[in-house]
């Protein structure tokens, strides 16, 4: 399925290439038509999002959703989450935290820091459809 470049992108941040590939596969299986932006670490995600937090014009489109892995080298998903939630220009972006560790406290911390949802890796396409149907273009069944 080809992405519709007129739609706002969905951002995926994970430092594990296999996890990133699987997440993209599940999003496509869910029918997501939005462009999928992939980032391999929190620092790159931070640098991309920073452009929306200045008065300088940008050609990029603000992602409608960010799927953010918690455990990454350098800037963790929690680091990016804390920074993003302090930026008024990013308020409209949903942030869903992902973790393979599946620890109860990760979900509690994510909620306390302002995540919209905490997901254990790897959500099934049906879970993605449920989460994304209010904000993404998905086929109707």
C-alpha atoms as a PDB file:
ATOM      1  CA  UNK A   1       0.000   0.000   0.000  1.00  0.00           C
ATOM      2  CA  UNK A   2       1.426   3.341  -1.026  1.00  0.00           C
ATOM      3  CA  UNK A   3       1.573   6.173   1.500  1.00  0.00           C
ATOM      4  CA  UNK A   4      -0.508   9.276   0.863  1.00  0.00           C
ATOM      5  CA  UNK A   5       1.989  12.150   1.178  1.00  0.00           C
ATOM      6  CA  UNK A   6      -0.821  14.642   1.772  1.00  0.00           C
ATOM      7  CA  UNK A   7      -1.591  12.979   5.103  1.00  0.00           C
ATOM      8  CA  UNK A   8       0.352  13.865   8.242  1.00  0.00           C
ATOM      9  CA  UNK A   9       3.116  11.354   8.938  1.00  0.00           C
ATOM     10  CA  UNK A  10       3.347   8.716  11.634  1.00  0.00           C
ATOM     11  CA  UNK A  11       6.711   8.751  13.402  1.00  0.00           C
ATOM     12  CA  UNK A  12       8.394   5.567  14.659  1.00  0.00           C
ATOM     13  CA  UNK A  13      11.470   5.757  16.891  1.00  0.00           C
ATOM     14  CA  UNK A  14      13.313   2.546  17.785  1.00  0.00           C
ATOM     15  CA  UNK A  15      17.021   1.743  17.903  1.00  0.00           C
ATOM     16  CA  UNK A  16      16.507  -1.928  17.056  1.00  0.00           C
ATOM     17  CA  UNK A  17      16.303  -2.402  13.291  1.00  0.00           C
ATOM     18  CA  UNK A  18      14.319  -5.655  13.553  1.00  0.00           C
ATOM     19  CA  UNK A  19      11.798  -4.027  15.898  1.00  0.00           C
ATOM     20  CA  UNK A  20      11.492  -1.052  13.562  1.00  0.00           C
ATOM     21  CA  UNK A  21      10.861  -3.349  10.607  1.00  0.00           C
ATOM     22  CA  UNK A  22       8.212  -5.300  12.509  1.00  0.00           C
ATOM     23  CA  UNK A  23       6.461  -2.132  13.682  1.00  0.00           C
ATOM     24  CA  UNK A  24       6.323  -0.815  10.116  1.00  0.00           C
ATOM     25  CA  UNK A  25       4.958  -4.153   8.915  1.00  0.00           C
ATOM     26  CA  UNK A  26       2.206  -4.117  11.574  1.00  0.00           C
ATOM     27  CA  UNK A  27       1.264  -0.517  10.793  1.00  0.00           C
ATOM     28  CA  UNK A  28       0.991  -1.298   7.095  1.00  0.00           C
ATOM     29  CA  UNK A  29      -1.043  -4.436   7.878  1.00  0.00           C
ATOM     30  CA  UNK A  30      -3.363  -2.200   9.924  1.00  0.00           C
ATOM     31  CA  UNK A  31      -3.946  -0.193   6.763  1.00  0.00           C
ATOM     32  CA  UNK A  32      -2.133   3.000   7.728  1.00  0.00           C
ATOM     33  CA  UNK A  33      -1.883   5.157   4.601  1.00  0.00           C
ATOM     34  CA  UNK A  34       0.019   7.988   6.292  1.00  0.00           C
ATOM     35  CA  UNK A  35       3.737   8.277   5.491  1.00  0.00           C
ATOM     36  CA  UNK A  36       5.868   6.417   8.054  1.00  0.00           C
ATOM     37  CA  UNK A  37       8.926   8.322   9.288  1.00  0.00           C
ATOM     38  CA  UNK A  38      11.531   6.038  10.847  1.00  0.00           C
ATOM     39  CA  UNK A  39      14.185   7.149  13.316  1.00  0.00           C
ATOM     40  CA  UNK A  40      16.879   4.926  14.798  1.00  0.00           C
ATOM     41  CA  UNK A  41      17.456   6.854  18.037  1.00  0.00           C
ATOM     42  CA  UNK A  42      16.042   9.477  20.357  1.00  0.00           C
ATOM     43  CA  UNK A  43      18.587  12.093  19.294  1.00  0.00           C
ATOM     44  CA  UNK A  44      17.507  11.960  15.653  1.00  0.00           C
ATOM     45  CA  UNK A  45      13.847  12.122  16.679  1.00  0.00           C
ATOM     46  CA  UNK A  46      14.599  15.133  18.895  1.00  0.00           C
ATOM     47  CA  UNK A  47      16.439  16.920  16.069  1.00  0.00           C
ATOM     48  CA  UNK A  48      13.540  16.292  13.678  1.00  0.00           C
ATOM     49  CA  UNK A  49      10.891  17.510  16.138  1.00  0.00           C
ATOM     50  CA  UNK A  50      12.890  20.612  17.091  1.00  0.00           C
ATOM     51  CA  UNK A  51      12.066  22.201  13.736  1.00  0.00           C
ATOM     52  CA  UNK A  52       8.412  22.486  14.789  1.00  0.00           C
ATOM     53  CA  UNK A  53       9.368  24.366  17.966  1.00  0.00           C
ATOM     54  CA  UNK A  54      10.863  27.484  16.387  1.00  0.00           C
ATOM     55  CA  UNK A  55       9.502  30.459  14.518  1.00  0.00           C
ATOM     56  CA  UNK A  56      11.436  29.382  11.421  1.00  0.00           C
ATOM     57  CA  UNK A  57       9.258  28.031   8.600  1.00  0.00           C
ATOM     58  CA  UNK A  58       9.588  24.327   7.787  1.00  0.00           C
ATOM     59  CA  UNK A  59       8.512  22.258   4.822  1.00  0.00           C
ATOM     60  CA  UNK A  60       8.018  19.216   7.022  1.00  0.00           C
ATOM     61  CA  UNK A  61       4.616  18.195   8.319  1.00  0.00           C
ATOM     62  CA  UNK A  62       4.137  17.604  12.049  1.00  0.00           C
ATOM     63  CA  UNK A  63       3.563  13.907  12.759  1.00  0.00           C
ATOM     64  CA  UNK A  64       0.092  13.077  13.981  1.00  0.00           C
ATOM     65  CA  UNK A  65       1.470  10.235  16.127  1.00  0.00           C
ATOM     66  CA  UNK A  66       4.850   9.161  17.455  1.00  0.00           C
ATOM     67  CA  UNK A  67       5.553   5.569  18.480  1.00  0.00           C
ATOM     68  CA  UNK A  68       8.513   5.887  20.823  1.00  0.00           C
ATOM     69  CA  UNK A  69      10.639   3.041  22.169  1.00  0.00           C
ATOM     70  CA  UNK A  70      11.561   3.556  25.812  1.00  0.00           C
ATOM     71  CA  UNK A  71      14.951   1.842  26.006  1.00  0.00           C
ATOM     72  CA  UNK A  72      17.374   3.385  23.536  1.00  0.00           C
ATOM     73  CA  UNK A  73      21.038   4.384  23.687  1.00  0.00           C
ATOM     74  CA  UNK A  74      21.675   8.100  24.119  1.00  0.00           C
ATOM     75  CA  UNK A  75      18.360   9.879  24.561  1.00  0.00           C
ATOM     76  CA  UNK A  76      15.819   7.400  25.880  1.00  0.00           C
ATOM     77  CA  UNK A  77      12.186   7.429  24.892  1.00  0.00           C
ATOM     78  CA  UNK A  78      11.389   8.956  28.274  1.00  0.00           C
ATOM     79  CA  UNK A  79      13.893  11.781  27.596  1.00  0.00           C
ATOM     80  CA  UNK A  80      12.197  12.561  24.284  1.00  0.00           C
ATOM     81  CA  UNK A  81       8.735  12.296  25.860  1.00  0.00           C
ATOM     82  CA  UNK A  82       9.574  14.737  28.671  1.00  0.00           C
ATOM     83  CA  UNK A  83      10.994  17.269  26.214  1.00  0.00           C
ATOM     84  CA  UNK A  84       8.133  16.871  23.708  1.00  0.00           C
ATOM     85  CA  UNK A  85       5.453  17.385  26.352  1.00  0.00           C
ATOM     86  CA  UNK A  86       7.041  20.743  27.265  1.00  0.00           C
ATOM     87  CA  UNK A  87       6.673  21.998  23.672  1.00  0.00           C
ATOM     88  CA  UNK A  88       3.356  23.745  23.009  1.00  0.00           C
ATOM     89  CA  UNK A  89       3.815  23.258  19.258  1.00  0.00           C
ATOM     90  CA  UNK A  90       3.784  19.467  19.729  1.00  0.00           C
ATOM     91  CA  UNK A  91       0.601  19.332  21.839  1.00  0.00           C
ATOM     92  CA  UNK A  92      -1.513  17.863  19.035  1.00  0.00           C
ATOM     93  CA  UNK A  93       0.868  14.940  18.441  1.00  0.00           C
ATOM     94  CA  UNK A  94      -0.139  11.698  20.150  1.00  0.00           C
ATOM     95  CA  UNK A  95       2.774   9.885  21.796  1.00  0.00           C
ATOM     96  CA  UNK A  96       2.558   6.137  22.284  1.00  0.00           C
ATOM     97  CA  UNK A  97       5.390   4.590  24.265  1.00  0.00           C
ATOM     98  CA  UNK A  98       6.661   1.123  23.312  1.00  0.00           C
ATOM     99  CA  UNK A  99       8.631  -1.326  25.386  1.00  0.00           C
ATOM    100  CA  UNK A 100       9.782  -4.888  25.050  1.00  0.00           C
ATOM    101  CA  UNK A 101      10.624  -4.997  28.765  1.00  0.00           C
ATOM    102  CA  UNK A 102       6.924  -5.067  29.726  1.00  0.00           C
ATOM    103  CA  UNK A 103       7.551  -3.725  33.204  1.00  0.00           C
ATOM    104  CA  UNK A 104       4.611  -2.295  35.164  1.00  0.00           C
ATOM    105  CA  UNK A 105       6.606   0.747  36.223  1.00  0.00           C
ATOM    106  CA  UNK A 106       7.361   1.653  32.581  1.00  0.00           C
ATOM    107  CA  UNK A 107       3.641   2.072  31.961  1.00  0.00           C
ATOM    108  CA  UNK A 108       3.244   4.077  35.173  1.00  0.00           C
ATOM    109  CA  UNK A 109       6.167   6.369  34.341  1.00  0.00           C
ATOM    110  CA  UNK A 110       4.935   6.824  30.753  1.00  0.00           C
ATOM    111  CA  UNK A 111       1.502   7.886  32.008  1.00  0.00           C
ATOM    112  CA  UNK A 112       2.977  10.254  34.599  1.00  0.00           C
ATOM    113  CA  UNK A 113       5.200  11.896  31.962  1.00  0.00           C
ATOM    114  CA  UNK A 114       2.292  12.505  29.598  1.00  0.00           C
ATOM    115  CA  UNK A 115       2.269   9.590  27.158  1.00  0.00           C
ATOM    116  CA  UNK A 116      -1.085   9.021  25.504  1.00  0.00           C
ATOM    117  CA  UNK A 117      -0.674   5.253  25.701  1.00  0.00           C
ATOM    118  CA  UNK A 118       1.817   2.547  26.703  1.00  0.00           C
ATOM    119  CA  UNK A 119       2.118  -0.484  24.440  1.00  0.00           C
ATOM    120  CA  UNK A 120       3.982  -3.723  24.873  1.00  0.00           C
ATOM    121  CA  UNK A 121       5.910  -4.757  21.797  1.00  0.00           C
ATOM    122  CA  UNK A 122       4.444  -5.819  19.432  1.00  0.00           C
ATOM    123  CA  UNK A 123       0.877  -4.658  19.077  1.00  0.00           C
ATOM    124  CA  UNK A 124      -1.193  -6.541  16.548  1.00  0.00           C
ATOM    125  CA  UNK A 125      -2.533  -4.657  13.514  1.00  0.00           C
ATOM    126  CA  UNK A 126      -6.017  -4.611  15.112  1.00  0.00           C
ATOM    127  CA  UNK A 127      -4.600  -2.723  18.118  1.00  0.00           C
ATOM    128  CA  UNK A 128      -2.979  -0.205  15.776  1.00  0.00           C
ATOM    129  CA  UNK A 129      -6.292   0.217  13.923  1.00  0.00           C
ATOM    130  CA  UNK A 130      -8.125   0.928  17.186  1.00  0.00           C
ATOM    131  CA  UNK A 131      -5.522   3.468  18.334  1.00  0.00           C
ATOM    132  CA  UNK A 132      -5.032   5.197  15.021  1.00  0.00           C
ATOM    133  CA  UNK A 133      -8.531   5.289  13.541  1.00  0.00           C
ATOM    134  CA  UNK A 134      -9.333   8.674  15.183  1.00  0.00           C
ATOM    135  CA  UNK A 135      -6.191  10.355  13.780  1.00  0.00           C
ATOM    136  CA  UNK A 136      -5.068   8.442  10.659  1.00  0.00           C
ATOM    137  CA  UNK A 137      -6.534   7.504   7.317  1.00  0.00           C
ATOM    138  CA  UNK A 138      -7.471   3.836   7.585  1.00  0.00           C
ATOM    139  CA  UNK A 139      -9.562   1.713   5.251  1.00  0.00           C
ATOM    140  CA  UNK A 140     -13.074   1.005   6.438  1.00  0.00           C
ATOM    141  CA  UNK A 141     -14.019  -2.627   6.894  1.00  0.00           C
END
